C-alpha atoms as a PDB file:
ATOM      1  CA  MET A   1      -0.246  -0.165  -0.306  1.00  0.00           C
ATOM      2  CA  SER A   2       1.527   3.410  -1.236  1.00  0.00           C
ATOM      3  CA  ALA A   3       2.333   6.330   1.692  1.00  0.00           C
ATOM      4  CA  ALA A   4      -0.147   8.415  -0.180  1.00  0.00           C
ATOM      5  CA  ALA A   5      -2.992   5.741   0.065  1.00  0.00           C
ATOM      6  CA  ILE A   6      -2.364   5.320   3.842  1.00  0.00           C
ATOM      7  CA  MET A   7      -2.203   8.890   4.607  1.00  0.00           C
ATOM      8  CA  SER A   8      -5.629   9.661   2.442  1.00  0.00           C
ATOM      9  CA  PHE A   9      -7.219   6.937   4.550  1.00  0.00           C
ATOM     10  CA  VAL A  10      -5.793   8.305   7.654  1.00  0.00           C
ATOM     11  CA  TYR A  11      -6.693  11.841   6.886  1.00  0.00           C
ATOM     12  CA  GLY A  12     -10.509  10.721   5.932  1.00  0.00           C
ATOM     13  CA  VAL A  13     -10.709   8.957   9.259  1.00  0.00           C
ATOM     14  CA  LEU A  14      -9.355  11.663  11.279  1.00  0.00           C
ATOM     15  CA  SER A  15     -11.818  14.134   9.369  1.00  0.00           C
ATOM     16  CA  ILE A  16     -15.071  11.613  10.130  1.00  0.00           C
ATOM     17  CA  VAL A  17     -13.834  11.378  13.728  1.00  0.00           C
ATOM     18  CA  GLY A  18     -13.603  15.140  14.208  1.00  0.00           C
ATOM     19  CA  GLY A  19     -16.645  15.914  12.971  1.00  0.00           C
ATOM     20  CA  PHE A  20     -18.701  13.566  15.126  1.00  0.00           C
ATOM     21  CA  ILE A  21     -16.607  14.688  18.093  1.00  0.00           C
ATOM     22  CA  GLY A  22     -17.628  18.433  17.065  1.00  0.00           C
ATOM     23  CA  TYR A  23     -20.924  17.221  17.252  1.00  0.00           C
ATOM     24  CA  GLN A  24     -21.187  15.985  20.614  1.00  0.00           C
ATOM     25  CA  GLN A  25     -18.978  18.377  21.803  1.00  0.00           C
ATOM     26  CA  ALA A  26     -20.499  21.559  20.312  1.00  0.00           C
ATOM     27  CA  GLY A  27     -23.935  20.173  18.607  1.00  0.00           C
ATOM     28  CA  SER A  28     -22.568  21.475  15.694  1.00  0.00           C
ATOM     29  CA  LYS A  29     -24.207  19.870  12.728  1.00  0.00           C
ATOM     30  CA  PRO A  30     -22.045  21.656  10.204  1.00  0.00           C
ATOM     31  CA  SER A  31     -18.859  19.642  11.550  1.00  0.00           C
ATOM     32  CA  LEU A  32     -20.976  16.633  11.509  1.00  0.00           C
ATOM     33  CA  ILE A  33     -21.728  16.908   7.954  1.00  0.00           C
ATOM     34  CA  SER A  34     -18.725  18.551   6.847  1.00  0.00           C
ATOM     35  CA  GLY A  35     -16.585  16.102   8.412  1.00  0.00           C
ATOM     36  CA  THR A  36     -18.656  13.019   7.320  1.00  0.00           C
ATOM     37  CA  ILE A  37     -18.087  14.436   3.674  1.00  0.00           C
ATOM     38  CA  THR A  38     -14.698  15.243   3.196  1.00  0.00           C
ATOM     39  CA  GLY A  39     -13.940  12.118   5.144  1.00  0.00           C
ATOM     40  CA  ILE A  40     -15.727  10.066   2.571  1.00  0.00           C
ATOM     41  CA  LEU A  41     -14.283  12.095  -0.251  1.00  0.00           C
ATOM     42  CA  LEU A  42     -10.701  11.190   1.414  1.00  0.00           C
ATOM     43  CA  LEU A  43     -11.764   7.680   1.831  1.00  0.00           C
ATOM     44  CA  VAL A  44     -12.926   7.206  -1.733  1.00  0.00           C
ATOM     45  CA  ALA A  45      -9.569   8.824  -3.079  1.00  0.00           C
ATOM     46  CA  GLY A  46      -7.548   6.521  -0.944  1.00  0.00           C
ATOM     47  CA  PHE A  47      -9.289   3.559  -2.800  1.00  0.00           C
ATOM     48  CA  GLY A  48      -8.435   5.171  -6.047  1.00  0.00           C
ATOM     49  CA  ILE A  49      -5.072   5.711  -5.189  1.00  0.00           C
ATOM     50  CA  LEU A  50      -4.954   2.088  -4.557  1.00  0.00           C
ATOM     51  CA  GLN A  51      -6.072   1.244  -7.815  1.00  0.00           C
ATOM     52  CA  ALA A  52      -3.513   3.460  -9.517  1.00  0.00           C
ATOM     53  CA  GLN A  53      -5.945   6.023 -10.391  1.00  0.00           C
ATOM     54  CA  VAL A  54      -4.738   9.271 -11.143  1.00  0.00           C
ATOM     55  CA  TRP A  55      -8.415  11.189 -10.079  1.00  0.00           C
ATOM     56  CA  GLY A  56      -7.662   9.643  -6.613  1.00  0.00           C
ATOM     57  CA  LEU A  57      -4.684  11.454  -6.057  1.00  0.00           C
ATOM     58  CA  TRP A  58      -6.158  14.519  -7.192  1.00  0.00           C
ATOM     59  CA  LEU A  59      -9.118  14.397  -5.248  1.00  0.00           C
ATOM     60  CA  ALA A  60      -7.122  13.666  -2.305  1.00  0.00           C
ATOM     61  CA  ILE A  61      -5.000  16.584  -2.927  1.00  0.00           C
ATOM     62  CA  ALA A  62      -7.939  19.082  -3.554  1.00  0.00           C
ATOM     63  CA  VAL A  63     -10.021  17.903  -0.521  1.00  0.00           C
ATOM     64  CA  THR A  64      -6.828  18.178   1.833  1.00  0.00           C
ATOM     65  CA  LEU A  65      -5.989  21.632   0.623  1.00  0.00           C
ATOM     66  CA  LEU A  66      -9.636  22.559   1.380  1.00  0.00           C
ATOM     67  CA  LEU A  67      -9.215  21.233   4.703  1.00  0.00           C
ATOM     68  CA  VAL A  68      -5.990  22.740   5.426  1.00  0.00           C
ATOM     69  CA  THR A  69      -7.226  26.160   4.446  1.00  0.00           C
ATOM     70  CA  VAL A  70     -10.322  25.872   6.758  1.00  0.00           C
ATOM     71  CA  PHE A  71      -8.345  25.029   9.538  1.00  0.00           C
ATOM     72  CA  ILE A  72      -5.984  27.682   9.429  1.00  0.00           C
ATOM     73  CA  VAL A  73      -8.718  29.917   9.416  1.00  0.00           C
ATOM     74  CA  ARG A  74      -9.921  28.314  12.379  1.00  0.00           C
ATOM     75  CA  LEU A  75      -6.587  28.328  13.955  1.00  0.00           C
ATOM     76  CA  VAL A  76      -6.140  31.993  13.324  1.00  0.00           C
ATOM     77  CA  LYS A  77      -9.406  32.736  14.679  1.00  0.00           C
ATOM     78  CA  THR A  78      -9.505  30.497  17.889  1.00  0.00           C
ATOM     79  CA  ARG A  79      -5.702  29.628  18.717  1.00  0.00           C
ATOM     80  CA  LYS A  80      -6.537  26.779  19.765  1.00  0.00           C
ATOM     81  CA  PHE A  81      -3.938  23.447  18.687  1.00  0.00           C
ATOM     82  CA  PHE A  82      -6.979  21.092  18.866  1.00  0.00           C
ATOM     83  CA  PRO A  83      -8.592  20.546  16.673  1.00  0.00           C
ATOM     84  CA  ALA A  84      -7.805  23.034  14.098  1.00  0.00           C
ATOM     85  CA  GLY A  85      -3.889  22.829  14.825  1.00  0.00           C
ATOM     86  CA  LEU A  86      -4.290  19.130  14.829  1.00  0.00           C
ATOM     87  CA  MET A  87      -5.952  19.346  11.457  1.00  0.00           C
ATOM     88  CA  VAL A  88      -3.606  21.592  10.034  1.00  0.00           C
ATOM     89  CA  ALA A  89      -0.293  19.462  11.055  1.00  0.00           C
ATOM     90  CA  VAL A  90      -1.830  16.376   9.542  1.00  0.00           C
ATOM     91  CA  GLY A  91      -3.133  18.168   6.439  1.00  0.00           C
ATOM     92  CA  ILE A  92       0.416  19.535   5.777  1.00  0.00           C
ATOM     93  CA  GLY A  93       1.782  16.009   6.296  1.00  0.00           C
ATOM     94  CA  THR A  94      -0.782  14.439   4.174  1.00  0.00           C
ATOM     95  CA  LEU A  95       0.092  16.861   1.197  1.00  0.00           C
ATOM     96  CA  ILE A  96       3.660  16.304   1.470  1.00  0.00           C
ATOM     97  CA  VAL A  97       3.154  12.814   0.857  1.00  0.00           C
ATOM     98  CA  LEU A  98       0.113  13.262  -1.606  1.00  0.00           C
ATOM     99  CA  PHE A  99       2.589  15.665  -3.877  1.00  0.00           C
ATOM    100  CA  LYS A 100       5.439  13.403  -3.733  1.00  0.00           C
ATOM    101  CA  GLY A 101       3.077  10.781  -5.315  1.00  0.00           C
ATOM    102  CA  ILE A 102       2.826  12.887  -8.145  1.00  0.00           C
ATOM    103  CA  GLY A 103       6.017  12.411  -9.289  1.00  0.00           C
END
């Protein structure tokens, strides 16, 4: 299994779990919905990467860029490492691995 697929799966699961945590702690339906949608997209992308499909890599990059951007904005607003800082850190790591998968 490639590192890009693994990171896509890890970030996808983290997104889904984060959405559920956001819903449980703050009653945030947007967190639940967005976490679930982006998580599923990353899991689908991971399966695409496993099957050597170019779209899987590009889907993972697009969703990860979106999440990193959203969580950078949240980190600047809240200045709290959890969850925003964690999602930014893991997202940047994921992007590094994904971009290495392009070449």
